[in-house]
N, C-alpha and C. Protein backbone atom coordinates (compact mmCIF):
# COMPACT_ATOMS: atom_id res chain seq x y z
N MET A 1 -0.43 -14.26 -8.74
CA MET A 1 0.69 -13.48 -7.90
C MET A 1 -0.55 -13.13 -6.81
N GLU A 2 -1.35 -13.30 -5.95
CA GLU A 2 -2.46 -12.68 -5.28
C GLU A 2 -2.27 -11.28 -5.35
N ASN A 3 -3.91 -10.64 -5.64
CA ASN A 3 -4.30 -9.67 -5.61
C ASN A 3 -3.06 -8.57 -6.27
N ALA A 4 -2.67 -9.32 -7.44
CA ALA A 4 -2.40 -8.47 -8.83
C ALA A 4 -2.46 -7.80 -9.44
N PRO A 5 -2.69 -6.54 -10.37
CA PRO A 5 -3.84 -6.01 -11.02
C PRO A 5 -3.75 -7.09 -11.68
N SER A 6 -4.64 -7.58 -12.92
CA SER A 6 -4.62 -7.89 -14.71
C SER A 6 -3.66 -7.46 -14.88
N THR A 7 -3.22 -8.96 -16.01
CA THR A 7 -2.27 -8.72 -17.14
C THR A 7 -2.11 -7.71 -17.89
N PRO A 8 -1.07 -6.38 -17.93
CA PRO A 8 -1.62 -5.23 -18.96
C PRO A 8 -1.60 -5.71 -20.31
N GLU A 9 -1.08 -4.48 -21.34
CA GLU A 9 -1.07 -5.16 -22.50
C GLU A 9 0.42 -5.52 -22.98
N PRO A 10 0.62 -6.30 -23.63
CA PRO A 10 1.93 -7.55 -23.58
C PRO A 10 2.60 -6.19 -24.54
N ASP A 11 2.60 -5.11 -25.04
CA ASP A 11 4.11 -4.35 -25.70
C ASP A 11 4.72 -3.84 -24.83
N VAL A 12 3.81 -3.28 -23.61
CA VAL A 12 4.21 -2.58 -22.54
C VAL A 12 5.08 -3.57 -22.10
N PRO A 13 6.54 -3.47 -21.89
CA PRO A 13 7.56 -4.17 -20.99
C PRO A 13 7.87 -4.23 -19.49
N VAL A 14 7.70 -3.01 -19.00
CA VAL A 14 7.09 -3.09 -17.18
C VAL A 14 6.40 -2.21 -17.19
N ILE A 15 5.65 -2.50 -15.97
CA ILE A 15 4.35 -1.76 -15.87
C ILE A 15 4.83 -1.67 -14.07
N VAL A 16 4.00 -0.73 -13.29
CA VAL A 16 4.24 -0.38 -12.14
C VAL A 16 2.66 -0.11 -11.83
N ALA A 17 2.47 -1.02 -11.02
CA ALA A 17 0.58 -0.90 -10.74
C ALA A 17 0.78 0.06 -9.26
N PRO A 18 -0.41 0.77 -8.83
CA PRO A 18 -1.08 1.89 -8.42
C PRO A 18 -0.19 2.08 -6.80
N PHE A 19 0.67 3.43 -6.43
CA PHE A 19 0.88 3.21 -5.26
C PHE A 19 0.04 2.63 -4.26
N ASP A 20 0.42 2.27 -3.10
CA ASP A 20 0.05 1.65 -1.78
C ASP A 20 1.13 2.13 -0.67
N THR A 21 0.07 2.99 -0.14
CA THR A 21 1.09 3.58 0.89
C THR A 21 1.48 2.36 2.52
N ASP A 22 0.58 1.28 2.54
CA ASP A 22 0.91 -0.05 3.41
C ASP A 22 1.90 -0.69 3.41
N SER A 23 2.90 -0.35 2.30
CA SER A 23 3.78 -1.42 2.14
C SER A 23 4.71 -0.79 1.71
N ARG A 24 6.08 -1.11 2.15
CA ARG A 24 7.65 -0.61 1.19
C ARG A 24 7.66 -0.79 -0.47
N TYR A 25 6.72 -2.12 -0.82
CA TYR A 25 7.13 -2.30 -1.93
C TYR A 25 5.99 -1.60 -3.40
N ARG A 26 6.35 -1.93 -4.08
CA ARG A 26 5.33 -1.82 -5.42
C ARG A 26 5.20 -3.10 -6.30
N LEU A 27 3.76 -2.92 -6.65
CA LEU A 27 3.85 -4.53 -7.43
C LEU A 27 3.93 -3.97 -9.15
N VAL A 28 5.47 -4.53 -9.65
CA VAL A 28 6.13 -4.49 -10.98
C VAL A 28 5.64 -5.38 -11.94
N HIS A 29 5.17 -5.58 -12.98
CA HIS A 29 4.70 -6.09 -14.08
C HIS A 29 6.19 -6.62 -15.01
N LEU A 30 7.02 -7.37 -14.80
CA LEU A 30 7.76 -7.22 -15.89
C LEU A 30 7.12 -8.92 -16.99
N GLN A 31 7.32 -8.49 -18.55
CA GLN A 31 6.41 -8.70 -20.04
C GLN A 31 7.79 -9.77 -19.45
N GLY A 32 6.36 -11.14 -19.55
CA GLY A 32 7.16 -12.43 -19.64
C GLY A 32 7.42 -13.28 -18.35
N HIS A 33 6.82 -12.22 -17.20
CA HIS A 33 7.54 -13.08 -16.15
C HIS A 33 6.46 -12.92 -15.02
N GLY A 34 5.42 -11.98 -15.54
CA GLY A 34 4.60 -11.49 -14.28
C GLY A 34 5.13 -10.62 -13.28
N TRP A 35 4.26 -10.98 -12.02
CA TRP A 35 4.23 -9.97 -11.12
C TRP A 35 5.19 -9.50 -9.84
N GLU A 36 5.82 -8.58 -9.58
CA GLU A 36 6.61 -8.91 -8.32
C GLU A 36 6.42 -7.56 -7.56
N PRO A 37 6.66 -7.79 -6.29
CA PRO A 37 7.12 -7.00 -5.58
C PRO A 37 7.72 -6.27 -5.20
N LEU A 38 8.45 -5.13 -5.76
CA LEU A 38 10.02 -4.94 -5.11
C LEU A 38 10.12 -3.14 -4.69
N GLU A 39 11.06 -3.12 -3.80
CA GLU A 39 11.75 -1.85 -3.62
C GLU A 39 12.11 -1.16 -4.18
N ARG A 40 12.04 -0.04 -3.95
CA ARG A 40 13.01 1.21 -4.68
C ARG A 40 14.23 1.05 -5.08
N GLU A 41 15.00 0.05 -4.21
CA GLU A 41 16.30 -0.11 -4.83
C GLU A 41 16.52 -1.43 -5.59
N GLU A 42 15.46 -2.33 -5.45
CA GLU A 42 15.79 -3.27 -6.12
C GLU A 42 14.82 -3.17 -7.59
N PHE A 43 14.37 -2.31 -7.83
CA PHE A 43 13.25 -2.04 -8.95
C PHE A 43 13.87 -2.06 -10.26
N GLU A 44 14.89 -0.85 -10.24
CA GLU A 44 16.12 -0.51 -11.33
C GLU A 44 16.79 -1.99 -12.16
N PRO A 45 17.91 -2.52 -11.19
CA PRO A 45 18.14 -4.19 -11.23
C PRO A 45 17.72 -5.04 -11.61
N ARG A 46 16.60 -5.21 -11.06
CA ARG A 46 15.45 -6.30 -11.45
C ARG A 46 14.85 -6.08 -12.99
N VAL A 47 14.82 -4.88 -13.26
CA VAL A 47 14.32 -4.61 -14.69
C VAL A 47 15.12 -4.70 -15.48
N GLN A 48 16.37 -4.40 -15.41
CA GLN A 48 17.91 -4.19 -16.06
C GLN A 48 18.11 -5.56 -16.02
N GLU A 49 18.18 -6.98 -15.66
CA GLU A 49 17.86 -8.42 -16.06
C GLU A 49 17.04 -8.75 -16.98
N PHE A 50 16.25 -8.58 -16.95
CA PHE A 50 15.31 -8.94 -18.25
C PHE A 50 15.32 -7.86 -19.53
N PHE A 51 15.56 -6.73 -18.58
CA PHE A 51 15.49 -5.38 -20.14
C PHE A 51 16.95 -4.89 -20.15
N PRO A 52 18.13 -5.28 -20.48
CA PRO A 52 19.34 -4.09 -20.40
C PRO A 52 19.33 -3.23 -21.16
N GLU A 53 18.53 -2.99 -22.29
CA GLU A 53 18.48 -1.64 -22.69
C GLU A 53 17.37 -0.83 -22.82
N ILE A 54 17.10 -1.31 -21.31
CA ILE A 54 14.84 -0.03 -21.28
C ILE A 54 15.64 1.40 -20.55
N ASP A 55 15.03 2.46 -21.08
CA ASP A 55 14.85 3.93 -20.53
C ASP A 55 13.66 3.79 -19.69
N PHE A 56 14.10 4.25 -18.47
CA PHE A 56 12.98 4.53 -17.89
C PHE A 56 12.03 5.38 -17.82
N ASP A 57 12.62 6.58 -18.73
CA ASP A 57 12.71 7.61 -18.31
C ASP A 57 11.21 7.58 -20.08
N ASP A 58 11.30 6.56 -20.47
CA ASP A 58 10.90 6.20 -21.53
C ASP A 58 8.61 5.18 -21.57
N PRO A 59 8.13 6.15 -21.39
CA PRO A 59 6.80 5.62 -21.00
C PRO A 59 6.02 4.49 -21.94
N ASP A 60 6.68 4.56 -23.22
CA ASP A 60 6.15 3.10 -23.63
C ASP A 60 6.85 2.36 -23.52
N GLN A 61 8.17 2.13 -22.67
CA GLN A 61 8.41 0.98 -21.70
C GLN A 61 8.64 1.19 -20.90
N VAL A 62 8.35 1.93 -19.64
CA VAL A 62 8.10 1.70 -17.85
C VAL A 62 6.57 2.87 -18.32
N HIS A 63 5.32 2.05 -17.55
CA HIS A 63 4.64 2.82 -17.64
C HIS A 63 4.58 2.26 -16.12
N TRP A 64 3.99 3.72 -15.53
CA TRP A 64 3.77 4.47 -14.27
C TRP A 64 1.60 4.07 -13.93
N ALA A 65 1.49 3.61 -13.34
CA ALA A 65 -0.31 3.59 -12.82
C ALA A 65 -0.46 5.32 -12.39
N ASP A 66 0.33 5.25 -11.55
CA ASP A 66 0.29 6.40 -10.88
C ASP A 66 1.47 7.09 -9.60
N ARG A 67 1.93 8.44 -9.40
CA ARG A 67 3.23 8.15 -8.47
C ARG A 67 4.20 8.62 -9.48
N PRO A 68 4.25 8.81 -11.06
CA PRO A 68 5.71 7.73 -11.33
C PRO A 68 6.86 8.55 -10.18
N GLY A 69 8.14 7.47 -10.22
CA GLY A 69 9.28 7.38 -9.67
C GLY A 69 8.77 7.33 -7.97
N GLU A 70 8.05 7.29 -7.50
CA GLU A 70 7.26 7.26 -6.14
C GLU A 70 7.25 5.80 -5.05
N TRP A 71 8.13 6.36 -4.24
CA TRP A 71 7.59 4.68 -3.45
C TRP A 71 7.36 5.11 -1.98
N PRO A 72 6.73 3.84 -1.43
CA PRO A 72 6.32 4.24 -0.29
C PRO A 72 7.32 4.17 0.36
N LYS A 73 6.76 5.19 1.58
CA LYS A 73 8.19 5.33 2.92
C LYS A 73 8.26 4.27 3.15
N TRP A 74 9.21 3.94 3.59
CA TRP A 74 9.38 2.98 4.60
C TRP A 74 11.19 3.46 5.60
N HIS A 75 11.01 2.57 6.98
CA HIS A 75 12.35 3.10 7.05
C HIS A 75 12.98 1.64 8.20
N PRO A 76 14.17 1.64 7.51
CA PRO A 76 14.40 0.03 8.49
C PRO A 76 14.03 -0.37 10.33
N GLY A 77 13.93 -1.58 10.26
CA GLY A 77 13.52 -1.88 11.20
C GLY A 77 11.69 -2.07 11.24
N GLU A 78 11.10 -1.36 9.97
CA GLU A 78 9.59 -1.17 9.92
C GLU A 78 9.06 -2.97 9.63
N ALA A 79 7.85 -3.42 9.59
CA ALA A 79 7.19 -4.36 8.85
C ALA A 79 7.34 -5.01 7.78
């Protein structure tokens, strides 16, 4: 994926890239599947497709580069 951060350590199943205020998405690295831009509503269901038993509160399973749990503000109708 273009502009994706470098591939993270392979022992962390999920990495959320740094916060970007110019987008409603955050780039998320799913171990073995690469980077994907995901919205807040897509994040947990998508991660659970690959890691059904994941603990979202465990930093050894889900690593946030910054602002854990935060997503850029976006309002319907905005591009």
